[in-house]
Amino acid sequence: MILTGPEITSRVHAGDIRIEPFDADRAQPNSYDFHLDDSIGTYISHVLDCARDNPFEQQPIPAAGLELQPGRIYLAATRERIGSDLFVPIIRARSSIARLGLFVHVTADLIDLGSFGQLTLQLHAVQPVRVYPDMLIGQVTFWETTGKRQLYDGKYQGSRGPQPSRSHLDFEAR
């Protein structure tokens, strides 16, 4: 079951959901709007290797905006730190952003129980589109769980800023 916006606000105040910073005006009928942070990253190599640590570079998003190009994956973060031990967050683009052809979270939109930090967004533009620091870009919904809860304690816990893939660690653990 999905939480309504007023219930999200109530659960933030109760400490069951963490959104930092929190602004009750960002609560929507069944979601909470989040902002794009102020930096963005890209991989340096054209071919990415799941078994290797791929070179990655970050840059600030200028106040005048940054034009994203098709054919690339850009990694950015939410300004807010988001998470819950009781409700599963799922993130997606705001509809007004999706209508510009910007995929805000290409895949892996499910955030594990117990995960908390700035969420990494996988931005992909269908055509050139300009983004700005601190713009409203996406929304998070919160879903109730059933069954025994197991909290996340993985390689992205406590993330700050856009995080490149750490899939190579899965190969090293074999």
N, C-alpha and C. Protein backbone atom coordinates (compact mmCIF):
# COMPACT_ATOMS: atom_id res chain seq x y z
N MET A 1 0.84 -1.17 0.00
CA MET A 1 0.00 0.00 0.00
C MET A 1 0.89 1.25 0.00
N ILE A 2 0.53 2.21 -0.81
CA ILE A 2 1.30 3.45 -0.94
C ILE A 2 0.82 4.47 0.11
N LEU A 3 1.76 5.23 0.67
CA LEU A 3 1.39 6.27 1.62
C LEU A 3 0.95 7.53 0.89
N THR A 4 0.00 8.23 1.45
CA THR A 4 -0.43 9.51 0.90
C THR A 4 0.58 10.59 1.34
N GLY A 5 0.52 11.74 0.69
CA GLY A 5 1.39 12.85 1.06
C GLY A 5 1.23 13.26 2.52
N PRO A 6 -0.01 13.43 3.02
CA PRO A 6 -0.16 13.77 4.43
C PRO A 6 0.41 12.69 5.36
N GLU A 7 0.30 11.41 4.97
CA GLU A 7 0.85 10.34 5.79
C GLU A 7 2.37 10.35 5.75
N ILE A 8 2.95 10.68 4.59
CA ILE A 8 4.41 10.82 4.50
C ILE A 8 4.87 11.90 5.49
N THR A 9 4.18 13.04 5.47
CA THR A 9 4.52 14.13 6.40
C THR A 9 4.41 13.67 7.84
N SER A 10 3.35 12.98 8.18
CA SER A 10 3.15 12.47 9.53
C SER A 10 4.26 11.50 9.92
N ARG A 11 4.63 10.62 9.00
CA ARG A 11 5.66 9.62 9.29
C ARG A 11 7.06 10.25 9.39
N VAL A 12 7.30 11.33 8.66
CA VAL A 12 8.57 12.05 8.82
C VAL A 12 8.63 12.64 10.22
N HIS A 13 7.55 13.28 10.65
CA HIS A 13 7.52 13.88 11.99
C HIS A 13 7.65 12.83 13.09
N ALA A 14 7.14 11.61 12.84
CA ALA A 14 7.22 10.53 13.81
C ALA A 14 8.59 9.84 13.80
N GLY A 15 9.40 10.11 12.76
CA GLY A 15 10.72 9.48 12.65
C GLY A 15 10.72 8.16 11.91
N ASP A 16 9.59 7.76 11.32
CA ASP A 16 9.52 6.50 10.58
C ASP A 16 10.09 6.62 9.17
N ILE A 17 10.11 7.84 8.64
CA ILE A 17 10.70 8.15 7.33
C ILE A 17 11.67 9.29 7.57
N ARG A 18 12.83 9.19 6.93
CA ARG A 18 13.81 10.28 7.04
C ARG A 18 13.94 10.97 5.69
N ILE A 19 13.68 12.26 5.67
CA ILE A 19 13.92 13.12 4.51
C ILE A 19 14.58 14.36 5.08
N GLU A 20 15.83 14.58 4.71
CA GLU A 20 16.61 15.70 5.26
C GLU A 20 17.28 16.46 4.12
N PRO A 21 16.98 17.74 3.94
CA PRO A 21 15.99 18.53 4.67
C PRO A 21 14.58 18.19 4.21
N PHE A 22 13.62 18.41 5.10
CA PHE A 22 12.21 18.13 4.80
C PHE A 22 11.45 19.44 4.71
N ASP A 23 10.57 19.54 3.71
CA ASP A 23 9.71 20.70 3.52
C ASP A 23 8.30 20.17 3.25
N ALA A 24 7.39 20.36 4.18
CA ALA A 24 6.03 19.82 4.05
C ALA A 24 5.34 20.30 2.78
N ASP A 25 5.76 21.44 2.23
CA ASP A 25 5.17 21.94 0.98
C ASP A 25 5.51 21.06 -0.22
N ARG A 26 6.50 20.18 -0.10
CA ARG A 26 6.90 19.29 -1.20
C ARG A 26 6.09 18.00 -1.22
N ALA A 27 5.25 17.79 -0.17
CA ALA A 27 4.40 16.60 -0.13
C ALA A 27 3.28 16.76 -1.15
N GLN A 28 3.11 15.76 -1.97
CA GLN A 28 2.07 15.72 -3.00
C GLN A 28 0.99 14.73 -2.57
N PRO A 29 -0.07 14.50 -3.37
CA PRO A 29 -1.13 13.59 -2.93
C PRO A 29 -0.65 12.19 -2.51
N ASN A 30 0.35 11.64 -3.21
CA ASN A 30 0.86 10.32 -2.82
C ASN A 30 2.37 10.19 -3.04
N SER A 31 3.08 11.31 -2.90
CA SER A 31 4.53 11.29 -3.08
C SER A 31 5.15 12.53 -2.43
N TYR A 32 6.47 12.60 -2.52
CA TYR A 32 7.21 13.76 -2.02
C TYR A 32 8.19 14.16 -3.11
N ASP A 33 8.17 15.43 -3.51
CA ASP A 33 9.07 15.93 -4.57
C ASP A 33 10.48 16.15 -4.01
N PHE A 34 11.49 15.75 -4.80
CA PHE A 34 12.87 15.99 -4.38
C PHE A 34 13.62 16.81 -5.42
N HIS A 35 14.75 17.38 -5.00
CA HIS A 35 15.56 18.28 -5.81
C HIS A 35 16.80 17.59 -6.37
N LEU A 36 17.29 18.11 -7.48
CA LEU A 36 18.59 17.74 -8.02
C LEU A 36 19.66 18.46 -7.21
N ASP A 37 20.72 17.76 -6.83
CA ASP A 37 21.81 18.40 -6.09
C ASP A 37 22.63 19.25 -7.07
N ASP A 38 23.80 19.70 -6.68
CA ASP A 38 24.55 20.68 -7.47
C ASP A 38 25.74 20.13 -8.24
N SER A 39 25.89 18.79 -8.32
CA SER A 39 26.97 18.23 -9.13
C SER A 39 26.45 17.06 -9.95
N ILE A 40 27.21 16.74 -10.99
CA ILE A 40 26.83 15.66 -11.90
C ILE A 40 28.09 14.93 -12.32
N GLY A 41 27.96 13.64 -12.59
CA GLY A 41 29.13 12.86 -12.97
C GLY A 41 28.88 12.07 -14.24
N THR A 42 29.99 11.76 -14.90
CA THR A 42 29.94 10.93 -16.10
C THR A 42 31.13 9.97 -16.09
N TYR A 43 30.96 8.87 -16.77
CA TYR A 43 32.07 7.94 -16.95
C TYR A 43 32.96 8.47 -18.05
N ILE A 44 34.25 8.26 -17.90
CA ILE A 44 35.23 8.74 -18.89
C ILE A 44 35.30 7.80 -20.09
N SER A 45 35.25 6.51 -19.84
CA SER A 45 35.37 5.52 -20.92
C SER A 45 34.06 5.41 -21.70
N HIS A 46 34.19 5.09 -22.98
CA HIS A 46 33.02 4.87 -23.82
C HIS A 46 32.42 3.50 -23.53
N VAL A 47 33.27 2.50 -23.32
CA VAL A 47 32.82 1.14 -22.99
C VAL A 47 32.98 0.95 -21.49
N LEU A 48 31.91 0.55 -20.84
CA LEU A 48 31.92 0.34 -19.40
C LEU A 48 32.03 -1.16 -19.11
N ASP A 49 32.79 -1.51 -18.09
CA ASP A 49 33.06 -2.91 -17.75
C ASP A 49 32.52 -3.20 -16.35
N CYS A 50 31.57 -4.13 -16.26
CA CYS A 50 30.96 -4.46 -14.97
C CYS A 50 31.95 -5.03 -13.97
N ALA A 51 33.04 -5.63 -14.44
CA ALA A 51 34.02 -6.27 -13.55
C ALA A 51 35.16 -5.33 -13.17
N ARG A 52 35.11 -4.09 -13.61
CA ARG A 52 36.20 -3.13 -13.34
C ARG A 52 35.64 -1.86 -12.72
N ASP A 53 36.52 -1.16 -12.01
CA ASP A 53 36.17 0.16 -11.47
C ASP A 53 36.34 1.15 -12.62
N ASN A 54 35.24 1.61 -13.18
CA ASN A 54 35.27 2.49 -14.36
C ASN A 54 35.61 3.92 -13.97
N PRO A 55 36.56 4.55 -14.66
CA PRO A 55 36.90 5.95 -14.35
C PRO A 55 35.67 6.85 -14.45
N PHE A 56 35.55 7.75 -13.49
CA PHE A 56 34.36 8.57 -13.32
C PHE A 56 34.80 9.97 -12.91
N GLU A 57 34.16 10.99 -13.47
CA GLU A 57 34.49 12.35 -13.06
C GLU A 57 33.23 13.13 -12.76
N GLN A 58 33.35 14.03 -11.78
CA GLN A 58 32.23 14.88 -11.38
C GLN A 58 32.54 16.33 -11.71
N GLN A 59 31.47 17.09 -11.90
CA GLN A 59 31.61 18.53 -12.10
C GLN A 59 30.40 19.22 -11.50
N PRO A 60 30.57 20.46 -11.10
CA PRO A 60 29.40 21.20 -10.60
C PRO A 60 28.44 21.49 -11.75
N ILE A 61 27.16 21.57 -11.44
CA ILE A 61 26.18 22.01 -12.42
C ILE A 61 26.14 23.53 -12.31
N PRO A 62 26.48 24.23 -13.38
CA PRO A 62 26.50 25.70 -13.31
C PRO A 62 25.11 26.27 -13.03
N ALA A 63 25.06 27.44 -12.43
CA ALA A 63 23.79 28.11 -12.15
C ALA A 63 23.01 28.34 -13.45
N ALA A 64 23.72 28.54 -14.56
CA ALA A 64 23.08 28.74 -15.87
C ALA A 64 22.59 27.43 -16.48
N GLY A 65 22.84 26.32 -15.81
CA GLY A 65 22.37 25.01 -16.28
C GLY A 65 23.43 24.24 -17.03
N LEU A 66 23.16 22.96 -17.23
CA LEU A 66 24.04 22.06 -17.96
C LEU A 66 23.20 21.29 -18.95
N GLU A 67 23.63 21.29 -20.22
CA GLU A 67 22.89 20.59 -21.26
C GLU A 67 23.31 19.13 -21.29
N LEU A 68 22.34 18.24 -21.06
CA LEU A 68 22.59 16.80 -21.13
C LEU A 68 22.36 16.33 -22.55
N GLN A 69 23.24 15.45 -23.01
CA GLN A 69 23.17 14.96 -24.38
C GLN A 69 22.67 13.52 -24.43
N PRO A 70 21.95 13.14 -25.48
CA PRO A 70 21.53 11.75 -25.65
C PRO A 70 22.76 10.84 -25.80
N GLY A 71 22.58 9.57 -25.54
CA GLY A 71 23.65 8.61 -25.74
C GLY A 71 24.63 8.52 -24.58
N ARG A 72 24.37 9.19 -23.48
CA ARG A 72 25.24 9.17 -22.29
C ARG A 72 24.38 8.88 -21.08
N ILE A 73 25.02 8.35 -20.07
CA ILE A 73 24.38 8.23 -18.77
C ILE A 73 25.05 9.23 -17.85
N TYR A 74 24.25 10.02 -17.18
CA TYR A 74 24.75 11.02 -16.23
C TYR A 74 24.32 10.57 -14.85
N LEU A 75 25.20 10.65 -13.90
CA LEU A 75 24.85 10.32 -12.52
C LEU A 75 24.82 11.60 -11.70
N ALA A 76 23.73 11.80 -11.01
CA ALA A 76 23.56 12.97 -10.15
C ALA A 76 22.94 12.47 -8.85
N ALA A 77 22.79 13.34 -7.89
CA ALA A 77 22.22 12.94 -6.60
C ALA A 77 21.04 13.82 -6.25
N THR A 78 20.21 13.31 -5.37
CA THR A 78 19.16 14.13 -4.79
C THR A 78 19.80 15.08 -3.79
N ARG A 79 19.26 16.27 -3.67
CA ARG A 79 19.73 17.18 -2.62
C ARG A 79 19.40 16.58 -1.25
N GLU A 80 18.21 15.98 -1.17
CA GLU A 80 17.75 15.41 0.08
C GLU A 80 18.41 14.05 0.35
N ARG A 81 18.58 13.76 1.62
CA ARG A 81 18.95 12.41 2.07
C ARG A 81 17.63 11.75 2.44
N ILE A 82 17.41 10.54 1.91
CA ILE A 82 16.10 9.89 2.01
C ILE A 82 16.28 8.44 2.44
N GLY A 83 15.36 7.94 3.26
CA GLY A 83 15.35 6.53 3.62
C GLY A 83 14.35 6.21 4.70
N SER A 84 14.16 4.91 4.95
CA SER A 84 13.24 4.45 5.98
C SER A 84 13.57 3.00 6.34
N ASP A 85 13.36 2.67 7.60
CA ASP A 85 13.48 1.29 8.04
C ASP A 85 12.14 0.57 7.97
N LEU A 86 11.05 1.30 7.73
CA LEU A 86 9.71 0.72 7.74
C LEU A 86 9.01 0.72 6.39
N PHE A 87 9.36 1.68 5.52
CA PHE A 87 8.67 1.83 4.24
C PHE A 87 9.69 1.80 3.10
N VAL A 88 9.32 1.18 1.99
CA VAL A 88 10.21 1.09 0.84
C VAL A 88 10.02 2.32 -0.04
N PRO A 89 11.09 3.12 -0.21
CA PRO A 89 11.01 4.26 -1.12
C PRO A 89 11.19 3.79 -2.58
N ILE A 90 10.41 4.37 -3.45
CA ILE A 90 10.57 4.15 -4.90
C ILE A 90 10.63 5.53 -5.54
N ILE A 91 11.63 5.74 -6.41
CA ILE A 91 11.81 7.06 -7.01
C ILE A 91 11.55 7.04 -8.50
N ARG A 92 11.13 8.19 -8.98
CA ARG A 92 10.86 8.36 -10.42
C ARG A 92 10.87 9.84 -10.75
N ALA A 93 10.78 10.16 -12.02
CA ALA A 93 10.75 11.56 -12.46
C ALA A 93 9.41 12.20 -12.11
N ARG A 94 9.43 13.50 -11.92
CA ARG A 94 8.18 14.25 -11.88
C ARG A 94 7.62 14.23 -13.31
N SER A 95 6.32 14.22 -13.48
CA SER A 95 5.74 14.10 -14.82
C SER A 95 6.15 15.26 -15.72
N SER A 96 6.31 16.46 -15.17
CA SER A 96 6.71 17.60 -16.00
C SER A 96 8.13 17.44 -16.53
N ILE A 97 8.99 16.74 -15.81
CA ILE A 97 10.35 16.48 -16.27
C ILE A 97 10.34 15.35 -17.29
N ALA A 98 9.55 14.31 -17.05
CA ALA A 98 9.45 13.20 -18.00
C ALA A 98 8.92 13.68 -19.35
N ARG A 99 8.07 14.68 -19.34
CA ARG A 99 7.51 15.21 -20.59
C ARG A 99 8.54 15.96 -21.42
N LEU A 100 9.69 16.24 -20.83
CA LEU A 100 10.81 16.83 -21.57
C LEU A 100 11.74 15.76 -22.13
N GLY A 101 11.40 14.49 -21.91
CA GLY A 101 12.22 13.40 -22.42
C GLY A 101 13.43 13.10 -21.54
N LEU A 102 13.36 13.46 -20.26
CA LEU A 102 14.47 13.17 -19.36
C LEU A 102 14.07 12.02 -18.45
N PHE A 103 14.77 10.90 -18.61
CA PHE A 103 14.60 9.78 -17.69
C PHE A 103 15.43 10.10 -16.46
N VAL A 104 14.80 10.14 -15.30
CA VAL A 104 15.47 10.54 -14.08
C VAL A 104 16.07 9.33 -13.36
N HIS A 105 15.44 8.22 -13.50
CA HIS A 105 15.98 7.02 -12.87
C HIS A 105 15.74 5.89 -13.85
N VAL A 106 16.72 5.61 -14.68
CA VAL A 106 16.56 4.67 -15.78
C VAL A 106 16.13 3.29 -15.29
N THR A 107 16.73 2.83 -14.23
CA THR A 107 16.42 1.52 -13.67
C THR A 107 16.78 1.55 -12.19
N ALA A 108 16.51 0.50 -11.47
CA ALA A 108 16.84 0.40 -10.05
C ALA A 108 16.18 1.50 -9.24
N ASP A 109 14.87 1.66 -9.42
CA ASP A 109 14.14 2.72 -8.72
C ASP A 109 13.74 2.36 -7.30
N LEU A 110 13.92 1.10 -6.93
CA LEU A 110 13.56 0.61 -5.61
C LEU A 110 14.72 0.85 -4.65
N ILE A 111 14.45 1.54 -3.54
CA ILE A 111 15.47 1.81 -2.52
C ILE A 111 15.22 0.84 -1.36
N ASP A 112 16.23 0.12 -0.95
CA ASP A 112 16.07 -0.90 0.09
C ASP A 112 15.72 -0.32 1.45
N LEU A 113 14.95 -1.09 2.21
CA LEU A 113 14.69 -0.76 3.61
C LEU A 113 16.02 -0.58 4.33
N GLY A 114 16.12 0.45 5.14
CA GLY A 114 17.33 0.68 5.92
C GLY A 114 18.39 1.49 5.22
N SER A 115 18.24 1.69 3.92
CA SER A 115 19.19 2.53 3.18
C SER A 115 18.88 3.98 3.51
N PHE A 116 19.92 4.78 3.69
CA PHE A 116 19.71 6.20 3.94
C PHE A 116 20.88 6.98 3.38
N GLY A 117 20.60 8.00 2.60
CA GLY A 117 21.63 8.86 2.05
C GLY A 117 21.06 9.64 0.88
N GLN A 118 21.94 10.37 0.21
CA GLN A 118 21.54 11.02 -1.03
C GLN A 118 21.40 9.91 -2.06
N LEU A 119 20.33 9.95 -2.82
CA LEU A 119 20.08 8.90 -3.80
C LEU A 119 20.73 9.28 -5.12
N THR A 120 21.40 8.32 -5.75
CA THR A 120 22.01 8.56 -7.05
C THR A 120 20.95 8.39 -8.13
N LEU A 121 20.85 9.39 -8.98
CA LEU A 121 19.91 9.39 -10.11
C LEU A 121 20.67 9.03 -11.37
N GLN A 122 20.07 8.20 -12.20
CA GLN A 122 20.66 7.82 -13.48
C GLN A 122 19.91 8.60 -14.56
N LEU A 123 20.49 9.73 -14.98
CA LEU A 123 19.82 10.63 -15.92
C LEU A 123 20.15 10.25 -17.36
N HIS A 124 19.11 10.18 -18.19
CA HIS A 124 19.29 9.89 -19.61
C HIS A 124 18.33 10.78 -20.40
N ALA A 125 18.88 11.56 -21.31
CA ALA A 125 18.08 12.50 -22.10
C ALA A 125 17.74 11.89 -23.46
N VAL A 126 16.49 11.97 -23.86
CA VAL A 126 16.05 11.51 -25.18
C VAL A 126 16.54 12.47 -26.25
N GLN A 127 16.54 13.76 -25.94
CA GLN A 127 17.09 14.80 -26.80
C GLN A 127 17.81 15.77 -25.87
N PRO A 128 18.62 16.69 -26.37
CA PRO A 128 19.32 17.60 -25.46
C PRO A 128 18.33 18.31 -24.52
N VAL A 129 18.67 18.35 -23.25
CA VAL A 129 17.83 19.01 -22.25
C VAL A 129 18.74 19.64 -21.20
N ARG A 130 18.38 20.84 -20.77
CA ARG A 130 19.19 21.58 -19.79
C ARG A 130 18.62 21.37 -18.39
N VAL A 131 19.51 21.03 -17.45
CA VAL A 131 19.12 20.87 -16.05
C VAL A 131 19.85 21.91 -15.20
N TYR A 132 19.29 22.18 -14.02
CA TYR A 132 19.80 23.24 -13.16
C TYR A 132 19.99 22.71 -11.73
N PRO A 133 20.97 23.23 -11.02
CA PRO A 133 21.13 22.80 -9.63
C PRO A 133 19.90 23.18 -8.81
N ASP A 134 19.51 22.31 -7.93
CA ASP A 134 18.42 22.54 -6.98
C ASP A 134 17.03 22.57 -7.62
N MET A 135 16.91 22.15 -8.89
CA MET A 135 15.59 22.11 -9.52
C MET A 135 14.81 20.91 -8.98
N LEU A 136 13.48 21.04 -8.93
CA LEU A 136 12.64 19.89 -8.61
C LEU A 136 12.70 18.93 -9.79
N ILE A 137 13.11 17.69 -9.54
CA ILE A 137 13.34 16.77 -10.64
C ILE A 137 12.58 15.45 -10.52
N GLY A 138 12.32 15.02 -9.29
CA GLY A 138 11.70 13.71 -9.12
C GLY A 138 10.79 13.64 -7.92
N GLN A 139 10.27 12.44 -7.73
CA GLN A 139 9.38 12.22 -6.60
C GLN A 139 9.67 10.86 -6.00
N VAL A 140 9.43 10.75 -4.71
CA VAL A 140 9.61 9.49 -4.01
C VAL A 140 8.26 9.09 -3.42
N THR A 141 7.94 7.82 -3.58
CA THR A 141 6.76 7.25 -2.94
C THR A 141 7.25 6.28 -1.87
N PHE A 142 6.40 6.00 -0.90
CA PHE A 142 6.75 5.09 0.19
C PHE A 142 5.69 4.00 0.27
N TRP A 143 6.16 2.76 0.34
CA TRP A 143 5.29 1.59 0.30
C TRP A 143 5.45 0.75 1.56
N GLU A 144 4.32 0.27 2.06
CA GLU A 144 4.34 -0.62 3.23
C GLU A 144 4.86 -1.99 2.83
N THR A 145 5.49 -2.67 3.78
CA THR A 145 6.01 -4.01 3.54
C THR A 145 5.23 -5.02 4.36
N THR A 146 5.33 -6.28 3.98
CA THR A 146 4.81 -7.37 4.81
C THR A 146 5.96 -8.35 5.01
N GLY A 147 5.89 -9.09 6.07
CA GLY A 147 6.93 -10.07 6.36
C GLY A 147 8.06 -9.48 7.19
N LYS A 148 9.00 -10.33 7.53
CA LYS A 148 10.14 -9.93 8.35
C LYS A 148 11.00 -8.95 7.57
N ARG A 149 11.38 -7.87 8.22
CA ARG A 149 12.21 -6.85 7.56
C ARG A 149 13.68 -7.18 7.73
N GLN A 150 14.42 -7.03 6.64
CA GLN A 150 15.88 -7.13 6.67
C GLN A 150 16.41 -5.81 6.13
N LEU A 151 17.20 -5.10 6.94
CA LEU A 151 17.65 -3.76 6.57
C LEU A 151 18.92 -3.81 5.72
N TYR A 152 18.99 -2.90 4.79
CA TYR A 152 20.12 -2.76 3.88
C TYR A 152 21.38 -2.36 4.64
N ASP A 153 22.48 -3.00 4.29
CA ASP A 153 23.78 -2.65 4.84
C ASP A 153 24.82 -2.87 3.74
N GLY A 154 24.59 -2.26 2.59
CA GLY A 154 25.41 -2.52 1.42
C GLY A 154 26.41 -1.43 1.09
N LYS A 155 26.96 -1.55 -0.09
CA LYS A 155 28.09 -0.73 -0.52
C LYS A 155 27.75 0.73 -0.81
N TYR A 156 26.47 1.10 -0.85
CA TYR A 156 26.09 2.49 -1.11
C TYR A 156 25.49 3.18 0.12
N GLN A 157 25.50 2.50 1.27
CA GLN A 157 24.91 3.06 2.49
C GLN A 157 25.56 4.41 2.83
N GLY A 158 24.74 5.39 3.18
CA GLY A 158 25.25 6.70 3.59
C GLY A 158 25.82 7.53 2.46
N SER A 159 25.43 7.24 1.23
CA SER A 159 25.99 7.93 0.06
C SER A 159 25.81 9.44 0.14
N ARG A 160 26.85 10.14 -0.34
CA ARG A 160 26.79 11.59 -0.52
C ARG A 160 27.29 11.87 -1.92
N GLY A 161 26.51 12.62 -2.67
CA GLY A 161 26.88 12.91 -4.05
C GLY A 161 26.60 11.73 -4.96
N PRO A 162 26.75 11.93 -6.27
CA PRO A 162 26.50 10.84 -7.22
C PRO A 162 27.54 9.73 -7.05
N GLN A 163 27.06 8.50 -7.00
CA GLN A 163 27.93 7.34 -6.80
C GLN A 163 28.01 6.51 -8.07
N PRO A 164 29.22 6.32 -8.61
CA PRO A 164 29.35 5.44 -9.76
C PRO A 164 29.12 3.99 -9.35
N SER A 165 28.96 3.14 -10.32
CA SER A 165 28.72 1.72 -10.07
C SER A 165 29.88 1.11 -9.28
N ARG A 166 29.51 0.28 -8.36
CA ARG A 166 30.50 -0.51 -7.62
C ARG A 166 30.31 -1.99 -7.92
N SER A 167 29.79 -2.29 -9.11
CA SER A 167 29.54 -3.69 -9.48
C SER A 167 30.82 -4.51 -9.48
N HIS A 168 31.96 -3.86 -9.69
CA HIS A 168 33.23 -4.58 -9.68
C HIS A 168 33.49 -5.25 -8.33
N LEU A 169 32.95 -4.71 -7.26
CA LEU A 169 33.12 -5.32 -5.93
C LEU A 169 32.44 -6.68 -5.85
N ASP A 170 31.36 -6.87 -6.61
CA ASP A 170 30.70 -8.17 -6.64
C ASP A 170 31.61 -9.22 -7.26
N PHE A 171 32.40 -8.83 -8.24
CA PHE A 171 33.34 -9.76 -8.87
C PHE A 171 34.51 -10.06 -7.93
N GLU A 172 34.95 -9.05 -7.20
CA GLU A 172 36.08 -9.23 -6.28
C GLU A 172 35.69 -10.12 -5.10
N ALA A 173 34.40 -10.16 -4.75
CA ALA A 173 33.94 -10.95 -3.61
C ALA A 173 33.83 -12.43 -3.92
N ARG A 174 33.95 -12.81 -5.16
CA ARG A 174 33.82 -14.23 -5.55
C ARG A 174 34.95 -15.05 -5.02
